[in-house]
Amino acid sequence: MTDKQIRLEVTYALPDQQALLEVVVEQGATVEQAIKASGILRRFPQIDLQNSKVGIWYKSCKLDDQPKEGDRIAIYRPLIADPKEVRRRRAEKAKQEGRADKVTGGRVNPLKRKEQGAE
């Protein structure tokens, strides 16, 4: 490694498989160049950089951003479910099962349930 090179990590994860690869690139290289140099696209051919989101230390960035020495570049998979919708369904289920207060949406106070003879 020369003074004009930097060491980075590139990461990608599937539910059953993860990769964390170290790569050395020229200082001033872009995120996209670092990803390509890491070889991760050969290991995971399903990655489409033009449609995938990327980040440096899990903060979104652009493919033409320039990482610094020691940065970790992450390639994100698309979400399979909307997190807000999942939380809404979980809260609704808790209300139906009596694990949440139907008025406030919060957890039922165990002392209040005991006073009401629920336990």
C-alpha atoms as a PDB file:
ATOM      1  CA  MET A   1       0.000   0.000   0.000  1.00  0.00           C
ATOM      2  CA  THR A   2       1.371   3.423  -0.949  1.00  0.00           C
ATOM      3  CA  ASP A   3       0.709   6.872   0.488  1.00  0.00           C
ATOM      4  CA  LYS A   4      -1.796   7.445  -2.313  1.00  0.00           C
ATOM      5  CA  GLN A   5      -3.882   4.392  -1.448  1.00  0.00           C
ATOM      6  CA  ILE A   6      -6.552   3.852   1.166  1.00  0.00           C
ATOM      7  CA  ARG A   7      -7.895   0.693   2.802  1.00  0.00           C
ATOM      8  CA  LEU A   8     -11.684   0.216   2.918  1.00  0.00           C
ATOM      9  CA  GLU A   9     -14.228  -2.472   3.700  1.00  0.00           C
ATOM     10  CA  VAL A  10     -17.173  -3.381   1.490  1.00  0.00           C
ATOM     11  CA  THR A  11     -20.089  -5.295   2.977  1.00  0.00           C
ATOM     12  CA  TYR A  12     -23.253  -6.951   1.714  1.00  0.00           C
ATOM     13  CA  ALA A  13     -25.641  -9.318   3.472  1.00  0.00           C
ATOM     14  CA  LEU A  14     -28.403 -11.716   2.552  1.00  0.00           C
ATOM     15  CA  PRO A  15     -30.524 -13.462   5.194  1.00  0.00           C
ATOM     16  CA  ASP A  16     -28.317 -16.556   4.998  1.00  0.00           C
ATOM     17  CA  GLN A  17     -25.019 -15.201   3.685  1.00  0.00           C
ATOM     18  CA  GLN A  18     -22.831 -12.189   4.473  1.00  0.00           C
ATOM     19  CA  ALA A  19     -19.612 -10.769   3.088  1.00  0.00           C
ATOM     20  CA  LEU A  20     -17.156  -8.245   4.509  1.00  0.00           C
ATOM     21  CA  LEU A  21     -14.315  -7.680   2.067  1.00  0.00           C
ATOM     22  CA  GLU A  22     -11.228  -5.521   2.480  1.00  0.00           C
ATOM     23  CA  VAL A  23     -10.066  -3.545  -0.539  1.00  0.00           C
ATOM     24  CA  VAL A  24      -7.222  -1.118  -1.242  1.00  0.00           C
ATOM     25  CA  VAL A  25      -7.972   1.647  -3.754  1.00  0.00           C
ATOM     26  CA  GLU A  26      -6.335   4.838  -4.915  1.00  0.00           C
ATOM     27  CA  GLN A  27      -7.097   7.882  -2.797  1.00  0.00           C
ATOM     28  CA  GLY A  28      -9.900   9.793  -4.525  1.00  0.00           C
ATOM     29  CA  ALA A  29     -11.638   6.639  -5.771  1.00  0.00           C
ATOM     30  CA  THR A  30     -15.411   6.695  -5.671  1.00  0.00           C
ATOM     31  CA  VAL A  31     -17.705   4.395  -3.712  1.00  0.00           C
ATOM     32  CA  GLU A  32     -18.631   2.686  -6.988  1.00  0.00           C
ATOM     33  CA  GLN A  33     -14.981   2.115  -7.913  1.00  0.00           C
ATOM     34  CA  ALA A  34     -14.267   0.659  -4.469  1.00  0.00           C
ATOM     35  CA  ILE A  35     -17.232  -1.703  -4.711  1.00  0.00           C
ATOM     36  CA  LYS A  36     -16.130  -2.918  -8.127  1.00  0.00           C
ATOM     37  CA  ALA A  37     -12.508  -3.312  -6.984  1.00  0.00           C
ATOM     38  CA  SER A  38     -13.603  -5.416  -3.983  1.00  0.00           C
ATOM     39  CA  GLY A  39     -14.921  -8.227  -6.189  1.00  0.00           C
ATOM     40  CA  ILE A  40     -18.230  -8.333  -4.326  1.00  0.00           C
ATOM     41  CA  LEU A  41     -20.192  -7.981  -7.576  1.00  0.00           C
ATOM     42  CA  ARG A  42     -18.723 -11.275  -8.818  1.00  0.00           C
ATOM     43  CA  ARG A  43     -19.590 -12.957  -5.523  1.00  0.00           C
ATOM     44  CA  PHE A  44     -23.162 -11.608  -5.540  1.00  0.00           C
ATOM     45  CA  PRO A  45     -24.154 -11.169  -9.211  1.00  0.00           C
ATOM     46  CA  GLN A  46     -27.721 -10.200  -8.192  1.00  0.00           C
ATOM     47  CA  ILE A  47     -26.466  -6.801  -6.957  1.00  0.00           C
ATOM     48  CA  ASP A  48     -27.579  -4.025  -9.311  1.00  0.00           C
ATOM     49  CA  LEU A  49     -25.570  -0.963  -8.294  1.00  0.00           C
ATOM     50  CA  GLN A  50     -27.715   1.384 -10.357  1.00  0.00           C
ATOM     51  CA  ASN A  51     -30.793   0.426  -8.324  1.00  0.00           C
ATOM     52  CA  SER A  52     -29.238  -0.433  -4.952  1.00  0.00           C
ATOM     53  CA  LYS A  53     -28.735   2.052  -2.164  1.00  0.00           C
ATOM     54  CA  VAL A  54     -25.280   2.327  -0.631  1.00  0.00           C
ATOM     55  CA  GLY A  55     -23.874   3.899   2.499  1.00  0.00           C
ATOM     56  CA  ILE A  56     -20.665   4.709   4.311  1.00  0.00           C
ATOM     57  CA  TRP A  57     -20.807   3.553   7.923  1.00  0.00           C
ATOM     58  CA  TYR A  58     -24.531   2.908   7.383  1.00  0.00           C
ATOM     59  CA  LYS A  59     -25.280   6.496   6.397  1.00  0.00           C
ATOM     60  CA  SER A  60     -26.656   6.801   2.866  1.00  0.00           C
ATOM     61  CA  CYS A  61     -24.297   8.115   0.227  1.00  0.00           C
ATOM     62  CA  LYS A  62     -23.991   8.307  -3.545  1.00  0.00           C
ATOM     63  CA  LEU A  63     -21.931   6.086  -5.807  1.00  0.00           C
ATOM     64  CA  ASP A  64     -19.756   9.059  -6.772  1.00  0.00           C
ATOM     65  CA  ASP A  65     -18.911  10.018  -3.163  1.00  0.00           C
ATOM     66  CA  GLN A  66     -15.298   9.544  -2.108  1.00  0.00           C
ATOM     67  CA  PRO A  67     -14.689   7.364   0.942  1.00  0.00           C
ATOM     68  CA  LYS A  68     -11.850   7.958   3.393  1.00  0.00           C
ATOM     69  CA  GLU A  69      -9.266   5.613   4.885  1.00  0.00           C
ATOM     70  CA  GLY A  70     -10.921   2.961   7.051  1.00  0.00           C
ATOM     71  CA  ASP A  71     -14.485   3.593   5.852  1.00  0.00           C
ATOM     72  CA  ARG A  72     -16.959   0.728   5.542  1.00  0.00           C
ATOM     73  CA  ILE A  73     -19.161   0.785   2.456  1.00  0.00           C
ATOM     74  CA  ALA A  74     -22.447  -1.109   2.715  1.00  0.00           C
ATOM     75  CA  ILE A  75     -24.631  -2.193  -0.184  1.00  0.00           C
ATOM     76  CA  TYR A  76     -28.274  -2.349   0.898  1.00  0.00           C
ATOM     77  CA  ARG A  77     -30.895  -4.835  -0.262  1.00  0.00           C
ATOM     78  CA  PRO A  78     -34.392  -3.579  -1.023  1.00  0.00           C
ATOM     79  CA  LEU A  79     -36.867  -3.914   1.846  1.00  0.00           C
ATOM     80  CA  ILE A  80     -39.284  -6.811   1.527  1.00  0.00           C
ATOM     81  CA  ALA A  81     -41.844  -5.177   3.833  1.00  0.00           C
ATOM     82  CA  ASP A  82     -42.681  -1.599   4.772  1.00  0.00           C
ATOM     83  CA  PRO A  83     -41.488  -1.160   8.407  1.00  0.00           C
ATOM     84  CA  LYS A  84     -44.379   1.183   9.238  1.00  0.00           C
ATOM     85  CA  GLU A  85     -46.920  -1.346   7.990  1.00  0.00           C
ATOM     86  CA  VAL A  86     -45.277  -4.158   9.992  1.00  0.00           C
ATOM     87  CA  ARG A  87     -45.390  -2.066  13.201  1.00  0.00           C
ATOM     88  CA  ARG A  88     -49.018  -1.108  12.553  1.00  0.00           C
ATOM     89  CA  ARG A  89     -50.016  -4.785  12.133  1.00  0.00           C
ATOM     90  CA  ARG A  90     -48.089  -5.806  15.264  1.00  0.00           C
ATOM     91  CA  ALA A  91     -49.802  -3.074  17.316  1.00  0.00           C
ATOM     92  CA  GLU A  92     -53.231  -4.065  15.999  1.00  0.00           C
ATOM     93  CA  LYS A  93     -52.595  -7.714  16.882  1.00  0.00           C
ATOM     94  CA  ALA A  94     -51.496  -6.736  20.413  1.00  0.00           C
ATOM     95  CA  LYS A  95     -54.718  -4.752  20.868  1.00  0.00           C
ATOM     96  CA  GLN A  96     -56.828  -7.695  19.717  1.00  0.00           C
ATOM     97  CA  GLU A  97     -55.007 -10.054  22.075  1.00  0.00           C
ATOM     98  CA  GLY A  98     -55.448  -7.659  25.008  1.00  0.00           C
ATOM     99  CA  ARG A  99     -51.728  -7.007  25.339  1.00  0.00           C
ATOM    100  CA  ALA A 100     -52.177  -3.310  24.541  1.00  0.00           C
ATOM    101  CA  ASP A 101     -54.621  -0.640  25.694  1.00  0.00           C
ATOM    102  CA  LYS A 102     -57.210  -0.168  22.947  1.00  0.00           C
ATOM    103  CA  VAL A 103     -57.583   3.531  23.682  1.00  0.00           C
ATOM    104  CA  THR A 104     -53.976   4.637  23.988  1.00  0.00           C
ATOM    105  CA  GLY A 105     -52.349   1.850  21.993  1.00  0.00           C
ATOM    106  CA  GLY A 106     -49.794   1.393  24.768  1.00  0.00           C
ATOM    107  CA  ARG A 107     -49.086  -1.622  26.912  1.00  0.00           C
ATOM    108  CA  VAL A 108     -51.641  -2.448  29.563  1.00  0.00           C
ATOM    109  CA  ASN A 109     -50.439  -1.669  33.082  1.00  0.00           C
ATOM    110  CA  PRO A 110     -50.180  -5.063  34.885  1.00  0.00           C
ATOM    111  CA  LEU A 111     -51.283  -3.474  38.204  1.00  0.00           C
ATOM    112  CA  LYS A 112     -54.386  -2.052  36.556  1.00  0.00           C
ATOM    113  CA  ARG A 113     -55.213  -5.461  35.046  1.00  0.00           C
ATOM    114  CA  LYS A 114     -54.843  -7.063  38.498  1.00  0.00           C
ATOM    115  CA  GLU A 115     -57.227  -4.517  40.037  1.00  0.00           C
ATOM    116  CA  GLN A 116     -59.776  -5.327  37.350  1.00  0.00           C
ATOM    117  CA  GLY A 117     -59.490  -9.036  38.176  1.00  0.00           C
ATOM    118  CA  ALA A 118     -57.910  -9.937  34.853  1.00  0.00           C
ATOM    119  CA  GLU A 119     -55.186 -12.016  36.480  1.00  0.00           C
END
